[in-house]
Protein backbone atom coordinates (compact mmCIF):
# COMPACT_ATOMS: atom_id res chain seq x y z
CA SER A 1 0.00 0.00 0.00
CA PHE A 2 1.31 3.44 -0.92
CA GLU A 3 0.88 6.59 1.08
CA ARG A 4 1.39 10.16 -0.12
CA ASP A 5 2.93 12.35 2.53
CA LEU A 6 4.36 15.72 3.38
CA ASP A 7 4.08 19.04 1.60
CA LYS A 8 1.39 19.59 -0.99
CA TYR A 9 3.26 21.89 -3.40
CA VAL A 10 2.04 20.94 -6.87
CA ASN A 11 4.92 19.79 -9.09
CA ALA A 12 7.48 20.21 -6.30
CA ASP A 13 10.04 17.45 -5.86
CA GLU A 14 10.37 15.60 -2.54
CA TYR A 15 12.83 12.71 -2.53
CA PHE A 16 15.71 10.93 -0.74
CA PRO A 17 13.78 10.21 2.48
CA PHE A 18 15.50 9.07 5.66
CA ILE A 19 13.46 7.75 8.61
CA THR A 20 14.79 7.65 12.17
CA ASN A 21 14.69 4.40 14.13
CA ASP A 22 11.69 5.53 16.19
CA GLN A 23 9.88 6.50 12.94
CA TYR A 24 8.92 9.91 14.31
CA ILE A 25 11.32 12.01 12.20
CA LEU A 26 11.67 12.05 8.44
CA LEU A 27 14.49 13.88 6.67
CA TYR A 28 14.20 14.53 2.94
CA THR A 29 15.35 16.66 0.04
CA LYS A 30 13.00 19.23 -1.49
CA ARG A 31 12.99 21.44 -4.55
CA LYS A 32 9.91 23.64 -4.84
CA ASN A 33 10.23 24.05 -8.62
CA GLU A 34 12.81 23.66 -11.38
CA ASN A 35 14.13 27.18 -10.78
CA LYS A 36 14.79 26.61 -7.06
CA ASP A 37 17.78 24.99 -5.43
CA GLU A 38 17.59 21.77 -3.41
CA ASP A 39 17.27 22.06 0.36
CA LEU A 40 17.06 19.66 3.28
CA PHE A 41 13.73 19.44 5.11
CA ILE A 42 12.52 17.70 8.25
CA ALA A 43 9.03 16.46 9.17
CA ASN A 44 7.63 14.99 12.38
CA SER A 45 5.02 12.29 12.90
CA ASN A 46 2.36 12.47 15.62
CA GLU A 47 1.00 9.67 17.81
CA TYR A 48 -1.45 8.75 15.05
CA ASN A 49 1.35 8.20 12.53
CA GLN A 50 0.36 11.30 10.56
CA TRP A 51 3.11 13.48 9.11
CA GLY A 52 3.07 17.21 9.68
CA ASN A 53 4.22 19.67 7.05
CA GLY A 54 7.97 19.64 6.56
CA SER A 55 10.17 22.58 7.43
CA PRO A 56 13.64 23.48 6.13
CA PHE A 57 16.80 23.11 8.16
CA ASP A 58 18.34 26.43 9.18
CA ASN A 59 21.15 28.17 7.31
CA GLN A 60 23.78 26.06 9.04
CA ILE A 61 22.72 23.41 6.50
CA ASN A 62 20.72 25.09 3.73
CA THR A 63 22.34 27.77 1.58
CA ILE A 64 21.78 29.41 -1.80
CA TYR A 65 23.44 26.30 -3.25
CA ASN A 66 22.12 22.72 -3.48
CA GLU A 67 21.89 20.49 -0.40
CA GLY A 68 20.71 16.91 -0.79
CA MET A 69 20.28 13.40 0.52
CA SER A 70 20.88 13.15 4.26
CA THR A 71 21.52 10.25 6.62
CA LEU A 72 21.89 9.95 10.39
CA VAL A 73 24.00 7.71 12.54
CA ARG A 74 21.31 5.78 14.38
CA ASP A 75 22.08 7.54 17.69
CA GLY A 76 20.49 10.58 16.02
CA ARG A 77 23.41 12.92 16.72
CA THR A 78 25.62 12.82 13.62
CA LEU A 79 24.26 13.95 10.26
CA TYR A 80 25.76 13.35 6.82
CA PHE A 81 24.45 15.20 3.77
CA THR A 82 25.38 16.34 0.28
CA ALA A 83 26.56 19.91 -0.35
CA CYS A 84 27.04 21.17 -3.90
CA ASN A 85 28.64 24.19 -5.61
CA ARG A 86 29.95 25.78 -2.41
CA PRO A 87 33.25 27.64 -2.83
CA GLU A 88 35.03 25.38 -0.33
CA ILE A 89 34.14 21.98 -1.81
CA LYS A 90 36.56 19.81 -3.81
CA GLY A 91 34.22 18.70 -6.62
CA PRO A 92 30.74 19.53 -7.94
CA CYS A 93 29.23 17.92 -4.81
CA ASP A 94 30.87 16.66 -1.60
CA ILE A 95 29.75 14.82 1.51
CA TRP A 96 29.43 17.01 4.59
CA THR A 97 28.69 16.28 8.22
CA GLY A 98 27.25 18.05 11.28
CA GLN A 99 26.43 17.39 14.92
CA ILE A 100 22.84 17.69 16.15
CA GLU A 101 22.53 19.21 19.61
CA ASN A 102 19.19 20.25 21.15
CA GLY A 103 17.56 20.39 17.73
CA GLN A 104 20.34 22.53 16.22
CA VAL A 105 22.99 21.37 13.75
CA ARG A 106 26.51 22.49 14.67
CA GLU A 107 30.06 21.83 13.51
CA VAL A 108 28.94 21.70 9.88
CA LYS A 109 31.89 20.87 7.64
CA ALA A 110 33.08 18.70 4.78
CA ILE A 111 34.48 15.27 5.51
CA ALA A 112 38.18 15.99 5.51
CA ASP A 113 39.51 12.65 4.38
CA HIS A 114 39.36 10.36 1.37
CA PRO A 115 35.63 10.11 0.50
CA ASN A 116 35.59 13.55 -1.17
CA SER A 117 37.55 14.20 -4.37
CA ASP A 118 37.43 16.52 -7.35
CA SER A 119 34.71 14.25 -8.78
CA TRP A 120 31.01 14.13 -7.81
CA GLU A 121 30.35 12.52 -4.42
CA SER A 122 26.79 12.42 -3.11
CA GLN A 123 23.96 10.44 -1.49
CA ALA A 124 25.82 9.12 1.52
CA CYS A 125 24.44 6.42 3.82
CA ILE A 126 26.07 5.68 7.17
CA SER A 127 25.99 2.30 8.91
CA CYS A 128 24.16 1.82 12.20
CA ASP A 129 27.37 2.18 14.25
CA GLY A 130 28.69 5.14 12.24
CA ARG A 131 31.79 3.31 10.99
CA VAL A 132 30.97 2.46 7.36
CA LEU A 133 30.01 5.11 4.80
CA TYR A 134 28.37 4.17 1.48
CA PHE A 135 27.98 6.82 -1.21
CA ALA A 136 27.59 7.41 -4.95
CA SER A 137 30.38 8.85 -7.10
CA ASN A 138 31.54 9.13 -10.69
CA ARG A 139 35.20 9.21 -9.63
CA PRO A 140 37.80 7.36 -11.74
CA GLY A 141 38.16 3.63 -11.10
CA GLY A 142 34.48 2.75 -11.31
CA LEU A 143 32.62 0.54 -13.76
CA GLY A 144 30.97 3.43 -15.59
CA GLY A 145 28.39 6.12 -14.87
CA THR A 146 27.91 6.60 -11.14
CA ASP A 147 28.88 3.74 -8.83
CA ILE A 148 28.43 2.93 -5.17
CA TRP A 149 31.58 3.19 -3.08
CA VAL A 150 32.38 2.42 0.54
CA SER A 151 34.78 3.97 3.08
CA VAL A 152 35.52 2.75 6.62
CA LYS A 153 36.32 4.94 9.62
CA GLN A 154 39.78 4.16 11.00
CA LYS A 155 40.80 4.01 14.66
CA ASP A 156 42.21 7.52 14.44
CA GLY A 157 38.85 8.85 13.18
CA THR A 158 39.88 9.33 9.55
CA TRP A 159 38.12 7.68 6.63
CA SER A 160 39.80 5.04 4.49
CA ASN A 161 40.45 5.39 0.80
CA PRO A 162 37.07 4.38 -0.75
CA SER A 163 36.60 1.02 -2.42
CA ASN A 164 34.28 0.41 -5.34
CA LEU A 165 31.67 -2.24 -4.48
CA GLY A 166 32.17 -3.71 -7.95
CA THR A 167 29.97 -6.38 -9.46
CA PRO A 168 27.35 -7.65 -8.90
CA ILE A 169 26.13 -4.28 -7.52
CA ASN A 170 27.71 -1.75 -9.87
CA THR A 171 27.29 -1.81 -13.66
CA ASP A 172 28.45 0.32 -16.58
CA LYS A 173 25.40 2.57 -16.03
CA ASP A 174 24.22 4.44 -12.90
CA GLU A 175 23.95 3.03 -9.38
CA GLU A 176 22.94 5.56 -6.73
CA SER A 177 21.18 6.29 -3.40
CA PRO A 178 22.52 3.41 -1.26
CA PHE A 179 20.88 2.47 2.04
CA ILE A 180 22.32 -0.13 4.43
CA SER A 181 20.05 -1.99 6.87
CA ASN A 182 20.70 -1.75 10.60
CA ASP A 183 22.30 -5.21 10.65
CA GLY A 184 24.62 -4.24 7.77
CA ASN A 185 23.58 -7.25 5.70
CA ARG A 186 21.20 -5.71 3.15
CA LEU A 187 22.07 -2.92 0.76
CA PHE A 188 19.27 -1.14 -1.11
CA PHE A 189 20.14 1.06 -4.08
CA SER A 190 18.78 2.52 -7.31
CA SER A 191 20.06 1.49 -10.72
CA THR A 192 19.57 2.01 -14.43
CA GLY A 193 22.00 -0.82 -15.23
CA HIS A 194 20.19 -3.86 -13.83
CA ILE A 195 17.10 -5.27 -15.52
CA GLY A 196 14.05 -3.36 -14.33
CA PHE A 197 10.63 -1.98 -15.22
CA GLY A 198 11.89 1.26 -16.77
CA GLY A 199 13.56 4.42 -15.52
CA GLN A 200 15.48 3.91 -12.29
CA ASP A 201 14.46 0.88 -10.22
CA ILE A 202 15.25 -0.06 -6.64
CA PHE A 203 17.30 -3.18 -5.95
CA MET A 204 18.59 -5.09 -2.94
CA SER A 205 21.76 -7.10 -2.39
CA SER A 206 22.47 -9.30 0.64
CA PHE A 207 25.90 -9.79 2.19
CA ASP A 208 27.41 -13.15 3.10
CA LYS A 209 30.83 -13.22 4.79
CA TYR A 210 31.93 -16.10 2.56
CA ARG A 211 30.39 -15.09 -0.78
CA GLY A 212 30.24 -11.31 -0.47
CA TRP A 213 27.37 -9.35 -1.99
CA SER A 214 24.64 -11.30 -3.78
CA ASN A 215 23.29 -10.57 -7.24
CA ALA A 216 21.04 -7.51 -7.31
CA PHE A 217 17.40 -8.38 -6.60
CA ASN A 218 14.69 -6.17 -8.12
CA LEU A 219 12.16 -5.21 -5.42
CA GLY A 220 9.36 -5.93 -7.85
CA PRO A 221 6.20 -4.20 -9.14
CA THR A 222 4.85 -3.50 -5.66
CA ILE A 223 7.59 -0.86 -5.39
CA ASN A 224 9.09 -0.31 -8.85
CA SER A 225 7.27 1.17 -11.83
CA PRO A 226 8.00 2.30 -15.41
CA PHE A 227 8.88 5.69 -13.90
CA GLU A 228 11.77 6.92 -11.72
CA ASP A 229 11.92 5.05 -8.38
CA LEU A 230 14.80 5.79 -6.03
CA GLY A 231 16.06 6.51 -2.55
CA PHE A 232 14.64 3.50 -0.67
CA VAL A 233 15.09 3.39 3.13
CA LEU A 234 14.05 0.57 5.44
CA THR A 235 12.40 1.19 8.81
CA ALA A 236 14.18 -0.17 11.89
CA ASP A 237 11.51 -2.84 12.44
CA GLY A 238 11.96 -4.00 8.83
CA LEU A 239 8.22 -3.94 8.16
CA SER A 240 8.02 -1.00 5.77
CA GLY A 241 10.06 1.31 3.59
CA TYR A 242 10.04 4.83 2.18
CA PHE A 243 11.14 5.87 -1.30
CA ALA A 244 10.51 8.52 -3.95
CA SER A 245 8.84 8.22 -7.35
CA ASP A 246 7.48 10.46 -10.10
CA ARG A 247 4.76 7.95 -11.04
CA PRO A 248 1.21 9.18 -11.80
CA GLY A 249 -1.10 9.65 -8.83
CA GLY A 250 1.12 11.93 -6.78
CA PHE A 251 1.15 15.70 -6.40
CA GLY A 252 3.52 16.22 -9.36
CA GLY A 253 7.26 15.79 -9.66
CA MET A 254 8.95 13.38 -7.26
CA ASP A 255 6.87 12.41 -4.22
CA ILE A 256 7.65 10.31 -1.15
CA TYR A 257 5.79 7.03 -0.72
CA LYS A 258 5.54 4.48 2.05
CA VAL A 259 5.13 0.76 1.39
CA ASN A 260 4.46 -2.22 3.67
CA LEU A 261 6.95 -4.93 2.77
CA GLN A 262 6.34 -8.54 1.81
CA SER A 263 8.16 -11.15 3.89
CA GLN A 264 10.91 -11.79 1.31
CA LEU A 265 11.98 -8.14 1.60
CA ARG A 266 11.76 -8.04 5.38
CA GLY A 267 14.41 -10.73 5.77
CA ASP A 268 12.00 -13.15 7.48
């Protein structure tokens, strides 16, 4: 079952959702129209599981430039997001971080180590313990288009030189918007390179310590469509997911949807 949520701007784009473990806070990217820049928004759910209107982060995060896909370490205190076109970034877009204290985001800065380069880095997803960072990039050394890369936090707090996840996840086309489950064993991502229903589809790969990542599994017609489907995130209880799509039936542009998952996607 799908559910249309959040702001009701006609033809506005809402996408790249991120849901906190308690499912009361939703972070997402918004662009009010094609002439506006992307900003990060936050919405809260009430006791009846109804979402209130989203509101933008303050100017510690949002600027006159583009800000995009955000992710939280599951303790809710460390935020990672995409910042583009700022004078101080290395490439077109870089991965930035900030600390959330009493509802305010402080210490906003670019990741200082290897994940950022003079190429495009975006759409970061952090593991449950804050030690493994997945992101999309078109940096040299990939398989083509945009690929999913991974960097690990070292004992001294720096990030390792990123590794390309390779096949069977990446292809010669575009793989983007990774999301890692709380147990670290399921990676969800969007792709135009794997066989799908049209546009971008959402896929899942499972990790086995002996065999590595499994072949990409299309989440099927309950979630994917002939249109653009991307940015899937799994709730902490594993029962449902949020993603964005520009399919008919929304408010126009990209909208955020919620879906209740079948058992094969819940990991039962």
